[in-house]
Amino acid sequence: MKDILFGFISKYVTLTEEEKNAIISLDIFHSVKKGTILLNEGQKSQDSYFVLKGCIRTYYIIDGEEKTTAFYTELEALTPPSVITKSASEYYISCTEDTILLISNSDMEVEVNHKFPKFELMCRVLSEELLAKQRIDFDEFKTSSPEQRYLNLLQKRPDLIQRVPQHQLASYLGIKPQSLSRLRGRILEKKS
């Protein structure tokens, strides 16, 4: 797993052996079982997550119903807003598959950034990329129909169709599971 991580990092910065060993010594690699809740609504946390293998999702519970807002899969990072604001989380984070995560916290990041300044630069670039991606995703979601959202998902993240339960996928698309079934049927009809 560390080779996957170092391969990803090498797209941004070159690491020395000392820096690689410093990362390994942090004890940040965690195997987490499917269904594990990493963060509860109302809970405070300093943890940030980087998915090496598997899938995690963020969701709210509104009127007893789960509303999925995002899925994070291989080589995607998530720092919950509550980490930055130092407030209680407004949503949940859970594993939709058995997952291998890097879990870091604010104190650890400050220490590593102080010791190895290039990590701070890499984190800033990653944050900018993530912010831009989230803005594009949000705009696409707000300006598209459920069918367009599903077609975008098929084009950009086809793996989620197989990896995520239909009710979570429907929630992510902003529709009911029955509507997702009908939508899939209409799309298949158009292709035939």
N, C-alpha and C. Protein backbone atom coordinates (compact mmCIF):
# COMPACT_ATOMS: atom_id res chain seq x y z
N MET A 1 0.81 -1.20 0.00
CA MET A 1 0.00 0.00 0.00
C MET A 1 0.85 1.27 0.00
N LYS A 2 2.01 1.18 0.65
CA LYS A 2 2.86 2.38 0.68
C LYS A 2 3.35 2.73 -0.72
N ASP A 3 3.52 1.71 -1.60
CA ASP A 3 3.94 2.00 -2.98
C ASP A 3 2.86 2.80 -3.72
N ILE A 4 1.59 2.47 -3.47
CA ILE A 4 0.49 3.23 -4.08
C ILE A 4 0.56 4.68 -3.62
N LEU A 5 0.75 4.87 -2.31
CA LEU A 5 0.83 6.22 -1.75
C LEU A 5 2.01 6.99 -2.34
N PHE A 6 3.18 6.38 -2.35
CA PHE A 6 4.36 7.08 -2.84
C PHE A 6 4.26 7.36 -4.35
N GLY A 7 3.61 6.48 -5.08
CA GLY A 7 3.36 6.73 -6.50
C GLY A 7 2.48 7.96 -6.69
N PHE A 8 1.45 8.07 -5.86
CA PHE A 8 0.55 9.22 -5.92
C PHE A 8 1.31 10.50 -5.57
N ILE A 9 2.06 10.48 -4.48
CA ILE A 9 2.81 11.66 -4.03
C ILE A 9 3.82 12.11 -5.08
N SER A 10 4.42 11.13 -5.80
CA SER A 10 5.46 11.46 -6.78
C SER A 10 4.91 12.31 -7.94
N LYS A 11 3.59 12.36 -8.11
CA LYS A 11 3.01 13.23 -9.13
C LYS A 11 3.15 14.70 -8.74
N TYR A 12 3.39 14.94 -7.46
CA TYR A 12 3.45 16.31 -6.95
C TYR A 12 4.84 16.72 -6.47
N VAL A 13 5.50 15.83 -5.73
CA VAL A 13 6.83 16.13 -5.19
C VAL A 13 7.68 14.87 -5.20
N THR A 14 8.99 15.04 -5.18
CA THR A 14 9.92 13.92 -5.09
C THR A 14 10.31 13.74 -3.63
N LEU A 15 10.20 12.51 -3.15
CA LEU A 15 10.52 12.22 -1.75
C LEU A 15 11.89 11.58 -1.62
N THR A 16 12.60 11.96 -0.57
CA THR A 16 13.84 11.29 -0.22
C THR A 16 13.49 10.05 0.59
N GLU A 17 14.45 9.17 0.80
CA GLU A 17 14.21 7.99 1.64
C GLU A 17 13.85 8.40 3.06
N GLU A 18 14.48 9.46 3.55
CA GLU A 18 14.18 9.95 4.91
C GLU A 18 12.72 10.38 5.01
N GLU A 19 12.23 11.05 3.98
CA GLU A 19 10.83 11.50 3.99
C GLU A 19 9.86 10.32 3.90
N LYS A 20 10.22 9.34 3.06
CA LYS A 20 9.38 8.14 2.97
C LYS A 20 9.34 7.41 4.32
N ASN A 21 10.48 7.27 4.95
CA ASN A 21 10.52 6.60 6.26
C ASN A 21 9.75 7.38 7.31
N ALA A 22 9.78 8.70 7.22
CA ALA A 22 9.02 9.53 8.17
C ALA A 22 7.53 9.29 8.01
N ILE A 23 7.07 9.15 6.78
CA ILE A 23 5.64 8.88 6.54
C ILE A 23 5.27 7.51 7.09
N ILE A 24 6.10 6.51 6.78
CA ILE A 24 5.81 5.15 7.25
C ILE A 24 5.77 5.09 8.78
N SER A 25 6.64 5.85 9.44
CA SER A 25 6.71 5.81 10.91
C SER A 25 5.50 6.46 11.59
N LEU A 26 4.67 7.16 10.84
CA LEU A 26 3.53 7.86 11.44
C LEU A 26 2.38 6.95 11.85
N ASP A 27 2.38 5.70 11.43
CA ASP A 27 1.29 4.78 11.76
C ASP A 27 -0.05 5.33 11.29
N ILE A 28 -0.12 5.66 9.99
CA ILE A 28 -1.34 6.26 9.45
C ILE A 28 -2.15 5.29 8.58
N PHE A 29 -1.64 4.10 8.32
CA PHE A 29 -2.35 3.12 7.49
C PHE A 29 -3.35 2.36 8.36
N HIS A 30 -4.63 2.36 7.95
CA HIS A 30 -5.67 1.69 8.74
C HIS A 30 -6.59 0.88 7.83
N SER A 31 -6.80 -0.39 8.19
CA SER A 31 -7.80 -1.21 7.50
C SER A 31 -9.11 -1.06 8.26
N VAL A 32 -10.18 -0.73 7.52
CA VAL A 32 -11.47 -0.47 8.14
C VAL A 32 -12.53 -1.32 7.45
N LYS A 33 -13.37 -1.96 8.23
CA LYS A 33 -14.40 -2.87 7.71
C LYS A 33 -15.58 -2.11 7.10
N LYS A 34 -16.18 -2.72 6.10
CA LYS A 34 -17.40 -2.20 5.48
C LYS A 34 -18.45 -1.93 6.57
N GLY A 35 -19.12 -0.80 6.46
CA GLY A 35 -20.16 -0.46 7.42
C GLY A 35 -19.68 0.35 8.61
N THR A 36 -18.36 0.46 8.78
CA THR A 36 -17.82 1.23 9.90
C THR A 36 -18.12 2.71 9.72
N ILE A 37 -18.62 3.34 10.76
CA ILE A 37 -18.86 4.78 10.73
C ILE A 37 -17.59 5.45 11.26
N LEU A 38 -16.98 6.27 10.43
CA LEU A 38 -15.74 6.96 10.78
C LEU A 38 -16.01 8.25 11.54
N LEU A 39 -17.16 8.87 11.25
CA LEU A 39 -17.52 10.13 11.90
C LEU A 39 -19.03 10.21 12.00
N ASN A 40 -19.52 10.51 13.18
CA ASN A 40 -20.96 10.66 13.41
C ASN A 40 -21.35 12.13 13.38
N GLU A 41 -22.58 12.39 13.01
CA GLU A 41 -23.12 13.74 13.13
C GLU A 41 -23.01 14.16 14.59
N GLY A 42 -22.59 15.37 14.84
CA GLY A 42 -22.47 15.87 16.20
C GLY A 42 -21.13 15.57 16.86
N GLN A 43 -20.31 14.74 16.22
CA GLN A 43 -19.01 14.37 16.78
C GLN A 43 -17.94 15.35 16.31
N LYS A 44 -17.00 15.65 17.20
CA LYS A 44 -15.85 16.47 16.83
C LYS A 44 -14.70 15.54 16.47
N SER A 45 -13.90 15.95 15.50
CA SER A 45 -12.79 15.12 15.06
C SER A 45 -11.71 15.99 14.44
N GLN A 46 -10.48 15.52 14.51
CA GLN A 46 -9.37 16.19 13.83
C GLN A 46 -8.88 15.37 12.65
N ASP A 47 -9.56 14.27 12.34
CA ASP A 47 -9.07 13.32 11.35
C ASP A 47 -9.42 13.71 9.91
N SER A 48 -8.42 13.53 9.04
CA SER A 48 -8.58 13.64 7.59
C SER A 48 -8.32 12.25 7.02
N TYR A 49 -8.92 11.97 5.87
CA TYR A 49 -8.86 10.63 5.29
C TYR A 49 -8.35 10.67 3.86
N PHE A 50 -7.54 9.67 3.51
CA PHE A 50 -7.09 9.47 2.14
C PHE A 50 -7.32 8.01 1.82
N VAL A 51 -8.11 7.73 0.79
CA VAL A 51 -8.48 6.36 0.45
C VAL A 51 -7.40 5.73 -0.42
N LEU A 52 -6.78 4.69 0.09
CA LEU A 52 -5.83 3.91 -0.72
C LEU A 52 -6.55 2.82 -1.49
N LYS A 53 -7.53 2.20 -0.83
CA LYS A 53 -8.32 1.13 -1.45
C LYS A 53 -9.68 1.12 -0.78
N GLY A 54 -10.74 1.03 -1.58
CA GLY A 54 -12.08 0.96 -1.02
C GLY A 54 -12.89 2.21 -1.33
N CYS A 55 -13.93 2.40 -0.52
CA CYS A 55 -14.86 3.50 -0.77
C CYS A 55 -15.48 3.97 0.55
N ILE A 56 -15.49 5.29 0.73
CA ILE A 56 -16.19 5.88 1.87
C ILE A 56 -17.22 6.87 1.31
N ARG A 57 -18.22 7.17 2.11
CA ARG A 57 -19.23 8.13 1.66
C ARG A 57 -19.57 9.09 2.78
N THR A 58 -20.05 10.27 2.38
CA THR A 58 -20.55 11.24 3.34
C THR A 58 -22.06 11.31 3.14
N TYR A 59 -22.77 11.44 4.26
CA TYR A 59 -24.23 11.53 4.17
C TYR A 59 -24.81 12.22 5.39
N TYR A 60 -25.98 12.79 5.19
CA TYR A 60 -26.78 13.40 6.25
C TYR A 60 -27.95 12.48 6.53
N ILE A 61 -28.51 12.58 7.70
CA ILE A 61 -29.80 11.93 7.97
C ILE A 61 -30.80 13.05 8.20
N ILE A 62 -31.75 13.14 7.27
CA ILE A 62 -32.77 14.19 7.31
C ILE A 62 -34.13 13.51 7.37
N ASP A 63 -34.88 13.82 8.42
CA ASP A 63 -36.19 13.19 8.64
C ASP A 63 -36.10 11.67 8.56
N GLY A 64 -35.04 11.12 9.14
CA GLY A 64 -34.87 9.67 9.20
C GLY A 64 -34.38 9.04 7.91
N GLU A 65 -34.09 9.84 6.90
CA GLU A 65 -33.67 9.32 5.60
C GLU A 65 -32.23 9.75 5.30
N GLU A 66 -31.41 8.80 4.84
CA GLU A 66 -30.03 9.11 4.48
C GLU A 66 -29.98 9.87 3.15
N LYS A 67 -29.20 10.94 3.14
CA LYS A 67 -28.98 11.74 1.93
C LYS A 67 -27.48 11.74 1.64
N THR A 68 -27.07 10.92 0.69
CA THR A 68 -25.65 10.79 0.33
C THR A 68 -25.20 12.01 -0.46
N THR A 69 -24.07 12.58 -0.04
CA THR A 69 -23.55 13.77 -0.73
C THR A 69 -22.29 13.50 -1.53
N ALA A 70 -21.54 12.45 -1.18
CA ALA A 70 -20.29 12.19 -1.92
C ALA A 70 -19.79 10.78 -1.65
N PHE A 71 -19.04 10.27 -2.62
CA PHE A 71 -18.30 9.02 -2.48
C PHE A 71 -16.83 9.34 -2.74
N TYR A 72 -15.96 8.73 -1.95
CA TYR A 72 -14.52 8.90 -2.11
C TYR A 72 -13.92 7.52 -2.32
N THR A 73 -13.22 7.35 -3.44
CA THR A 73 -12.61 6.06 -3.76
C THR A 73 -11.10 6.24 -3.88
N GLU A 74 -10.44 5.25 -4.46
CA GLU A 74 -8.99 5.21 -4.51
C GLU A 74 -8.36 6.56 -4.89
N LEU A 75 -7.38 6.95 -4.08
CA LEU A 75 -6.56 8.13 -4.26
C LEU A 75 -7.35 9.44 -4.17
N GLU A 76 -8.42 9.42 -3.37
CA GLU A 76 -9.19 10.64 -3.10
C GLU A 76 -9.10 10.96 -1.62
N ALA A 77 -9.08 12.25 -1.33
CA ALA A 77 -8.92 12.73 0.05
C ALA A 77 -10.17 13.43 0.54
N LEU A 78 -10.37 13.36 1.85
CA LEU A 78 -11.49 14.04 2.48
C LEU A 78 -11.04 14.62 3.82
N THR A 79 -11.16 15.92 3.94
CA THR A 79 -11.00 16.58 5.23
C THR A 79 -12.36 17.17 5.55
N PRO A 80 -13.06 16.62 6.53
CA PRO A 80 -14.39 17.14 6.87
C PRO A 80 -14.30 18.62 7.28
N PRO A 81 -15.27 19.44 6.88
CA PRO A 81 -15.26 20.86 7.26
C PRO A 81 -15.15 21.06 8.77
N SER A 82 -15.68 20.13 9.54
CA SER A 82 -15.64 20.27 11.01
C SER A 82 -14.21 20.25 11.54
N VAL A 83 -13.28 19.66 10.78
CA VAL A 83 -11.87 19.67 11.20
C VAL A 83 -11.33 21.09 11.12
N ILE A 84 -11.69 21.80 10.06
CA ILE A 84 -11.22 23.17 9.86
C ILE A 84 -11.89 24.13 10.85
N THR A 85 -13.22 23.97 11.02
CA THR A 85 -13.97 24.89 11.87
C THR A 85 -13.89 24.52 13.35
N LYS A 86 -13.34 23.34 13.62
CA LYS A 86 -13.23 22.81 14.99
C LYS A 86 -14.60 22.75 15.68
N SER A 87 -15.61 22.41 14.90
CA SER A 87 -16.96 22.28 15.42
C SER A 87 -17.44 20.85 15.23
N ALA A 88 -18.64 20.57 15.72
CA ALA A 88 -19.22 19.23 15.57
C ALA A 88 -19.60 19.00 14.10
N SER A 89 -19.45 17.77 13.65
CA SER A 89 -19.78 17.42 12.27
C SER A 89 -21.28 17.51 12.04
N GLU A 90 -21.64 17.96 10.86
CA GLU A 90 -23.05 18.02 10.48
C GLU A 90 -23.47 16.77 9.71
N TYR A 91 -22.51 15.91 9.37
CA TYR A 91 -22.85 14.71 8.61
C TYR A 91 -22.06 13.50 9.10
N TYR A 92 -22.33 12.38 8.47
CA TYR A 92 -21.68 11.10 8.79
C TYR A 92 -20.68 10.76 7.69
N ILE A 93 -19.67 9.99 8.07
CA ILE A 93 -18.76 9.38 7.09
C ILE A 93 -18.70 7.90 7.43
N SER A 94 -18.93 7.06 6.42
CA SER A 94 -18.87 5.61 6.66
C SER A 94 -18.22 4.91 5.48
N CYS A 95 -17.80 3.66 5.73
CA CYS A 95 -17.17 2.83 4.69
C CYS A 95 -18.24 2.02 3.99
N THR A 96 -18.30 2.12 2.67
CA THR A 96 -19.25 1.31 1.91
C THR A 96 -18.62 -0.01 1.47
N GLU A 97 -17.32 -0.14 1.66
CA GLU A 97 -16.57 -1.36 1.37
C GLU A 97 -15.50 -1.51 2.44
N ASP A 98 -14.90 -2.71 2.52
CA ASP A 98 -13.68 -2.83 3.32
C ASP A 98 -12.69 -1.85 2.69
N THR A 99 -12.05 -1.05 3.53
CA THR A 99 -11.28 0.09 3.02
C THR A 99 -9.93 0.18 3.71
N ILE A 100 -8.93 0.60 2.96
CA ILE A 100 -7.62 0.91 3.54
C ILE A 100 -7.45 2.42 3.42
N LEU A 101 -7.31 3.06 4.57
CA LEU A 101 -7.24 4.51 4.65
C LEU A 101 -5.92 4.97 5.23
N LEU A 102 -5.52 6.17 4.84
CA LEU A 102 -4.53 6.91 5.59
C LEU A 102 -5.35 7.86 6.44
N ILE A 103 -5.14 7.82 7.73
CA ILE A 103 -5.85 8.73 8.62
C ILE A 103 -4.81 9.59 9.32
N SER A 104 -4.92 10.89 9.09
CA SER A 104 -4.00 11.83 9.73
C SER A 104 -4.83 12.84 10.52
N ASN A 105 -4.14 13.57 11.39
CA ASN A 105 -4.84 14.62 12.13
C ASN A 105 -4.06 15.91 12.02
N SER A 106 -4.67 16.99 12.45
CA SER A 106 -4.09 18.33 12.32
C SER A 106 -2.71 18.42 12.95
N ASP A 107 -2.54 17.89 14.16
CA ASP A 107 -1.25 17.97 14.85
C ASP A 107 -0.16 17.25 14.05
N MET A 108 -0.50 16.08 13.53
CA MET A 108 0.45 15.29 12.74
C MET A 108 0.86 16.06 11.49
N GLU A 109 -0.13 16.68 10.83
CA GLU A 109 0.15 17.42 9.61
C GLU A 109 1.04 18.64 9.88
N VAL A 110 0.80 19.34 10.98
CA VAL A 110 1.64 20.49 11.33
C VAL A 110 3.08 20.04 11.54
N GLU A 111 3.25 18.94 12.26
CA GLU A 111 4.59 18.42 12.54
C GLU A 111 5.32 18.03 11.25
N VAL A 112 4.63 17.28 10.38
CA VAL A 112 5.25 16.83 9.13
C VAL A 112 5.56 18.03 8.23
N ASN A 113 4.61 18.98 8.12
CA ASN A 113 4.83 20.15 7.27
C ASN A 113 6.01 21.00 7.78
N HIS A 114 6.16 21.06 9.10
CA HIS A 114 7.28 21.81 9.68
C HIS A 114 8.61 21.13 9.36
N LYS A 115 8.61 19.81 9.48
CA LYS A 115 9.83 19.03 9.27
C LYS A 115 10.18 18.93 7.78
N PHE A 116 9.13 18.80 6.94
CA PHE A 116 9.32 18.63 5.49
C PHE A 116 8.42 19.62 4.74
N PRO A 117 8.88 20.84 4.50
CA PRO A 117 8.04 21.89 3.90
C PRO A 117 7.40 21.53 2.56
N LYS A 118 8.00 20.61 1.82
CA LYS A 118 7.42 20.28 0.51
C LYS A 118 6.04 19.63 0.67
N PHE A 119 5.76 19.01 1.83
CA PHE A 119 4.44 18.42 2.05
C PHE A 119 3.36 19.50 2.12
N GLU A 120 3.72 20.62 2.69
CA GLU A 120 2.75 21.73 2.77
C GLU A 120 2.40 22.21 1.37
N LEU A 121 3.40 22.32 0.51
CA LEU A 121 3.16 22.72 -0.88
C LEU A 121 2.26 21.69 -1.57
N MET A 122 2.57 20.42 -1.40
CA MET A 122 1.76 19.37 -2.02
C MET A 122 0.32 19.43 -1.52
N CYS A 123 0.14 19.61 -0.22
CA CYS A 123 -1.21 19.66 0.36
C CYS A 123 -1.98 20.87 -0.18
N ARG A 124 -1.30 21.97 -0.37
CA ARG A 124 -1.97 23.16 -0.91
C ARG A 124 -2.43 22.90 -2.35
N VAL A 125 -1.57 22.29 -3.16
CA VAL A 125 -1.94 21.97 -4.54
C VAL A 125 -3.12 20.99 -4.56
N LEU A 126 -3.05 19.96 -3.72
CA LEU A 126 -4.15 18.99 -3.64
C LEU A 126 -5.45 19.66 -3.21
N SER A 127 -5.36 20.56 -2.25
CA SER A 127 -6.56 21.27 -1.77
C SER A 127 -7.17 22.11 -2.89
N GLU A 128 -6.32 22.78 -3.65
CA GLU A 128 -6.82 23.59 -4.76
C GLU A 128 -7.49 22.71 -5.81
N GLU A 129 -6.89 21.57 -6.13
CA GLU A 129 -7.48 20.65 -7.11
C GLU A 129 -8.82 20.12 -6.61
N LEU A 130 -8.88 19.76 -5.32
CA LEU A 130 -10.11 19.23 -4.74
C LEU A 130 -11.20 20.29 -4.74
N LEU A 131 -10.86 21.51 -4.39
CA LEU A 131 -11.84 22.59 -4.37
C LEU A 131 -12.40 22.84 -5.77
N ALA A 132 -11.53 22.86 -6.76
CA ALA A 132 -11.99 23.06 -8.15
C ALA A 132 -12.90 21.92 -8.59
N LYS A 133 -12.52 20.69 -8.28
CA LYS A 133 -13.34 19.52 -8.65
C LYS A 133 -14.71 19.59 -7.97
N GLN A 134 -14.74 19.92 -6.69
CA GLN A 134 -16.01 20.00 -5.97
C GLN A 134 -16.90 21.10 -6.54
N ARG A 135 -16.31 22.20 -6.94
CA ARG A 135 -17.09 23.30 -7.53
C ARG A 135 -17.72 22.85 -8.84
N ILE A 136 -16.93 22.18 -9.68
CA ILE A 136 -17.44 21.69 -10.97
C ILE A 136 -18.56 20.67 -10.72
N ASP A 137 -18.34 19.73 -9.78
CA ASP A 137 -19.36 18.72 -9.47
C ASP A 137 -20.64 19.37 -8.97
N PHE A 138 -20.52 20.36 -8.09
CA PHE A 138 -21.68 21.04 -7.54
C PHE A 138 -22.46 21.75 -8.65
N ASP A 139 -21.74 22.48 -9.50
CA ASP A 139 -22.40 23.18 -10.60
C ASP A 139 -23.10 22.22 -11.54
N GLU A 140 -22.45 21.10 -11.88
CA GLU A 140 -23.08 20.09 -12.74
C GLU A 140 -24.33 19.54 -12.10
N PHE A 141 -24.27 19.26 -10.81
CA PHE A 141 -25.43 18.70 -10.11
C PHE A 141 -26.60 19.68 -10.13
N LYS A 142 -26.31 20.94 -9.84
CA LYS A 142 -27.37 21.95 -9.75
C LYS A 142 -28.01 22.26 -11.11
N THR A 143 -27.27 22.09 -12.19
CA THR A 143 -27.78 22.49 -13.50
C THR A 143 -28.22 21.32 -14.38
N SER A 144 -28.24 20.10 -13.82
CA SER A 144 -28.59 18.94 -14.65
C SER A 144 -29.82 18.21 -14.12
N SER A 145 -30.45 17.48 -15.02
CA SER A 145 -31.60 16.65 -14.65
C SER A 145 -31.09 15.35 -14.03
N PRO A 146 -31.96 14.60 -13.35
CA PRO A 146 -31.52 13.31 -12.80
C PRO A 146 -30.91 12.39 -13.88
N GLU A 147 -31.50 12.41 -15.08
CA GLU A 147 -30.96 11.56 -16.15
C GLU A 147 -29.56 12.02 -16.54
N GLN A 148 -29.35 13.33 -16.65
CA GLN A 148 -28.02 13.85 -16.97
C GLN A 148 -27.02 13.51 -15.87
N ARG A 149 -27.47 13.59 -14.61
CA ARG A 149 -26.58 13.25 -13.49
C ARG A 149 -26.15 11.80 -13.58
N TYR A 150 -27.10 10.91 -13.90
CA TYR A 150 -26.78 9.49 -14.01
C TYR A 150 -25.82 9.25 -15.19
N LEU A 151 -26.08 9.89 -16.32
CA LEU A 151 -25.20 9.73 -17.48
C LEU A 151 -23.80 10.27 -17.18
N ASN A 152 -23.71 11.39 -16.46
CA ASN A 152 -22.41 11.93 -16.03
C ASN A 152 -21.68 10.92 -15.14
N LEU A 153 -22.44 10.30 -14.24
CA LEU A 153 -21.86 9.30 -13.34
C LEU A 153 -21.33 8.11 -14.14
N LEU A 154 -22.11 7.65 -15.11
CA LEU A 154 -21.67 6.54 -15.97
C LEU A 154 -20.38 6.89 -16.70
N GLN A 155 -20.28 8.15 -17.11
CA GLN A 155 -19.10 8.58 -17.87
C GLN A 155 -17.89 8.80 -16.96
N LYS A 156 -18.08 9.47 -15.84
CA LYS A 156 -16.95 9.88 -15.00
C LYS A 156 -16.59 8.90 -13.90
N ARG A 157 -17.58 8.17 -13.38
CA ARG A 157 -17.30 7.27 -12.25
C ARG A 157 -18.08 5.96 -12.40
N PRO A 158 -17.89 5.25 -13.51
CA PRO A 158 -18.67 4.03 -13.76
C PRO A 158 -18.47 2.96 -12.69
N ASP A 159 -17.34 2.97 -12.01
CA ASP A 159 -17.08 1.98 -10.96
C ASP A 159 -18.11 2.05 -9.84
N LEU A 160 -18.64 3.24 -9.57
CA LEU A 160 -19.61 3.39 -8.47
C LEU A 160 -20.89 2.59 -8.73
N ILE A 161 -21.26 2.43 -10.00
CA ILE A 161 -22.48 1.69 -10.34
C ILE A 161 -22.41 0.27 -9.77
N GLN A 162 -21.24 -0.35 -9.82
CA GLN A 162 -21.06 -1.72 -9.32
C GLN A 162 -20.73 -1.78 -7.83
N ARG A 163 -20.16 -0.73 -7.31
CA ARG A 163 -19.60 -0.76 -5.95
C ARG A 163 -20.56 -0.28 -4.86
N VAL A 164 -21.55 0.50 -5.24
CA VAL A 164 -22.39 1.19 -4.26
C VAL A 164 -23.82 0.66 -4.32
N PRO A 165 -24.45 0.41 -3.17
CA PRO A 165 -25.85 -0.04 -3.18
C PRO A 165 -26.75 0.97 -3.91
N GLN A 166 -27.77 0.45 -4.59
CA GLN A 166 -28.64 1.29 -5.41
C GLN A 166 -29.29 2.41 -4.61
N HIS A 167 -29.70 2.14 -3.37
CA HIS A 167 -30.38 3.19 -2.60
C HIS A 167 -29.42 4.35 -2.27
N GLN A 168 -28.13 4.04 -2.07
CA GLN A 168 -27.15 5.10 -1.82
C GLN A 168 -26.86 5.88 -3.10
N LEU A 169 -26.78 5.16 -4.20
CA LEU A 169 -26.55 5.79 -5.50
C LEU A 169 -27.71 6.72 -5.85
N ALA A 170 -28.93 6.26 -5.63
CA ALA A 170 -30.12 7.08 -5.92
C ALA A 170 -30.10 8.34 -5.06
N SER A 171 -29.79 8.17 -3.79
CA SER A 171 -29.72 9.32 -2.88
C SER A 171 -28.68 10.32 -3.36
N TYR A 172 -27.53 9.84 -3.79
CA TYR A 172 -26.46 10.68 -4.31
C TYR A 172 -26.92 11.47 -5.54
N LEU A 173 -27.75 10.84 -6.36
CA LEU A 173 -28.27 11.49 -7.57
C LEU A 173 -29.46 12.40 -7.28
N GLY A 174 -29.96 12.35 -6.04
CA GLY A 174 -31.08 13.20 -5.65
C GLY A 174 -32.44 12.66 -6.06
N ILE A 175 -32.52 11.31 -6.18
CA ILE A 175 -33.79 10.67 -6.56
C ILE A 175 -34.06 9.46 -5.67
N LYS A 176 -35.26 8.90 -5.80
CA LYS A 176 -35.64 7.70 -5.05
C LYS A 176 -35.12 6.46 -5.80
N PRO A 177 -34.89 5.34 -5.09
CA PRO A 177 -34.41 4.13 -5.76
C PRO A 177 -35.32 3.66 -6.91
N GLN A 178 -36.63 3.80 -6.73
CA GLN A 178 -37.56 3.40 -7.80
C GLN A 178 -37.36 4.26 -9.04
N SER A 179 -37.11 5.54 -8.84
CA SER A 179 -36.87 6.44 -9.97
C SER A 179 -35.57 6.07 -10.69
N LEU A 180 -34.57 5.64 -9.92
CA LEU A 180 -33.31 5.21 -10.53
C LEU A 180 -33.53 3.98 -11.40
N SER A 181 -34.35 3.05 -10.93
CA SER A 181 -34.65 1.85 -11.73
C SER A 181 -35.34 2.24 -13.03
N ARG A 182 -36.32 3.12 -12.96
CA ARG A 182 -37.02 3.57 -14.17
C ARG A 182 -36.06 4.31 -15.11
N LEU A 183 -35.23 5.14 -14.55
CA LEU A 183 -34.26 5.91 -15.34
C LEU A 183 -33.32 4.97 -16.09
N ARG A 184 -32.82 3.96 -15.38
CA ARG A 184 -31.93 2.98 -16.03
C ARG A 184 -32.66 2.28 -17.17
N GLY A 185 -33.92 1.94 -16.94
CA GLY A 185 -34.72 1.28 -17.98
C GLY A 185 -34.87 2.15 -19.22
N ARG A 186 -35.17 3.44 -19.02
CA ARG A 186 -35.32 4.37 -20.15
C ARG A 186 -34.01 4.50 -20.92
N ILE A 187 -32.91 4.56 -20.22
CA ILE A 187 -31.61 4.71 -20.89
C ILE A 187 -31.30 3.45 -21.71
N LEU A 188 -31.59 2.28 -21.15
CA LEU A 188 -31.37 1.03 -21.89
C LEU A 188 -32.25 0.97 -23.13
N GLU A 189 -33.49 1.43 -23.01
CA GLU A 189 -34.41 1.45 -24.17
C GLU A 189 -33.86 2.34 -25.29
N LYS A 190 -33.35 3.50 -24.92
CA LYS A 190 -32.82 4.43 -25.91
C LYS A 190 -31.63 3.82 -26.65
N LYS A 191 -30.84 3.00 -25.96
CA LYS A 191 -29.65 2.39 -26.57
C LYS A 191 -30.02 1.26 -27.52
N SER A 192 -31.19 0.63 -27.30
CA SER A 192 -31.56 -0.52 -28.15
C SER A 192 -32.12 -0.11 -29.49
